[in-house]
Amino acid sequence: MTDFTSNHTVARHKPPKTEFMIYFGIIFLATLPLATITWALAAIRSASLTDKGPVKRAWSQARIITPMIFSA
């Protein structure tokens, strides 16, 4: 008996589609002001700049939210 499950090709990562990138951009721009405010408040509270700046915060939020939209 032949085992076909161990002789399969590895799925390659597809580049993001245009629609996904448009939604990502919109969500990124929408989360940027709030991320800037929360970053500034955290910097004031701790009296130092945090490792994660406002752009990085907004980018990570967009990376979390956008796939949720497409999986629904």
Protein backbone atom coordinates (compact mmCIF):
# COMPACT_ATOMS: atom_id res chain seq x y z
CA MET A 1 0.00 0.00 0.00
CA THR A 2 1.37 3.40 -0.97
CA ASP A 3 1.35 6.35 1.40
CA PHE A 4 0.43 9.42 -0.65
CA THR A 5 0.26 11.76 2.33
CA SER A 6 4.01 11.89 2.84
CA ASN A 7 4.78 12.70 -0.80
CA HIS A 8 2.97 16.01 -1.25
CA THR A 9 4.30 19.36 -2.36
CA VAL A 10 4.66 22.15 0.17
CA ALA A 11 2.10 24.93 -0.20
CA ARG A 12 3.74 28.21 -1.08
CA HIS A 13 2.83 31.51 0.53
CA LYS A 14 0.67 33.60 -1.80
CA PRO A 15 1.21 37.35 -2.01
CA PRO A 16 -1.65 39.39 -0.51
CA LYS A 17 -4.45 40.26 -2.85
CA THR A 18 -5.27 43.82 -3.81
CA GLU A 19 -8.52 43.85 -1.83
CA PHE A 20 -6.69 42.73 1.31
CA MET A 21 -4.08 45.46 0.88
CA ILE A 22 -6.77 48.13 0.40
CA TYR A 23 -8.55 47.07 3.60
CA PHE A 24 -5.21 46.88 5.41
CA GLY A 25 -4.35 50.43 4.36
CA ILE A 26 -7.72 51.79 5.44
CA ILE A 27 -7.52 50.06 8.82
CA PHE A 28 -3.91 51.15 9.29
CA LEU A 29 -4.82 54.79 8.64
CA ALA A 30 -7.83 54.50 10.97
CA THR A 31 -5.79 53.05 13.85
CA LEU A 32 -2.86 55.45 13.48
CA PRO A 33 -4.38 58.40 15.40
CA LEU A 34 -5.45 56.24 18.34
CA ALA A 35 -2.09 54.46 18.38
CA THR A 36 -0.35 57.85 18.47
CA ILE A 37 -2.47 58.97 21.41
CA THR A 38 -1.90 55.78 23.40
CA TRP A 39 1.83 55.89 22.62
CA ALA A 40 2.06 59.51 23.77
CA LEU A 41 0.16 58.77 26.99
CA ALA A 42 2.39 55.78 27.72
CA ALA A 43 5.50 57.87 27.04
CA ILE A 44 4.29 60.63 29.37
CA ARG A 45 3.34 58.16 32.09
CA SER A 46 6.65 56.30 32.00
CA ALA A 47 8.69 59.46 31.30
CA SER A 48 10.52 57.68 28.47
CA LEU A 49 9.87 56.65 24.91
CA THR A 50 8.58 53.13 24.56
CA ASP A 51 10.09 50.51 22.26
CA LYS A 52 6.95 50.28 20.17
CA GLY A 53 6.22 53.55 18.38
CA PRO A 54 2.83 54.68 17.05
CA VAL A 55 3.42 53.36 13.51
CA LYS A 56 4.42 49.94 14.79
CA ARG A 57 1.37 49.86 17.09
CA ALA A 58 -0.99 50.79 14.25
CA TRP A 59 0.68 48.28 11.93
CA SER A 60 0.23 45.44 14.42
CA GLN A 61 -3.40 46.38 15.01
CA ALA A 62 -4.06 46.39 11.26
CA ARG A 63 -2.35 42.97 11.00
CA ILE A 64 -4.74 41.65 13.65
CA ILE A 65 -7.98 43.26 12.43
CA THR A 66 -7.73 42.78 8.65
CA PRO A 67 -7.61 38.95 8.64
CA MET A 68 -10.61 38.94 10.98
CA ILE A 69 -12.62 40.75 8.32
CA PHE A 70 -11.66 38.26 5.63
CA SER A 71 -12.28 35.21 7.80
CA ALA A 72 -15.84 36.30 8.67
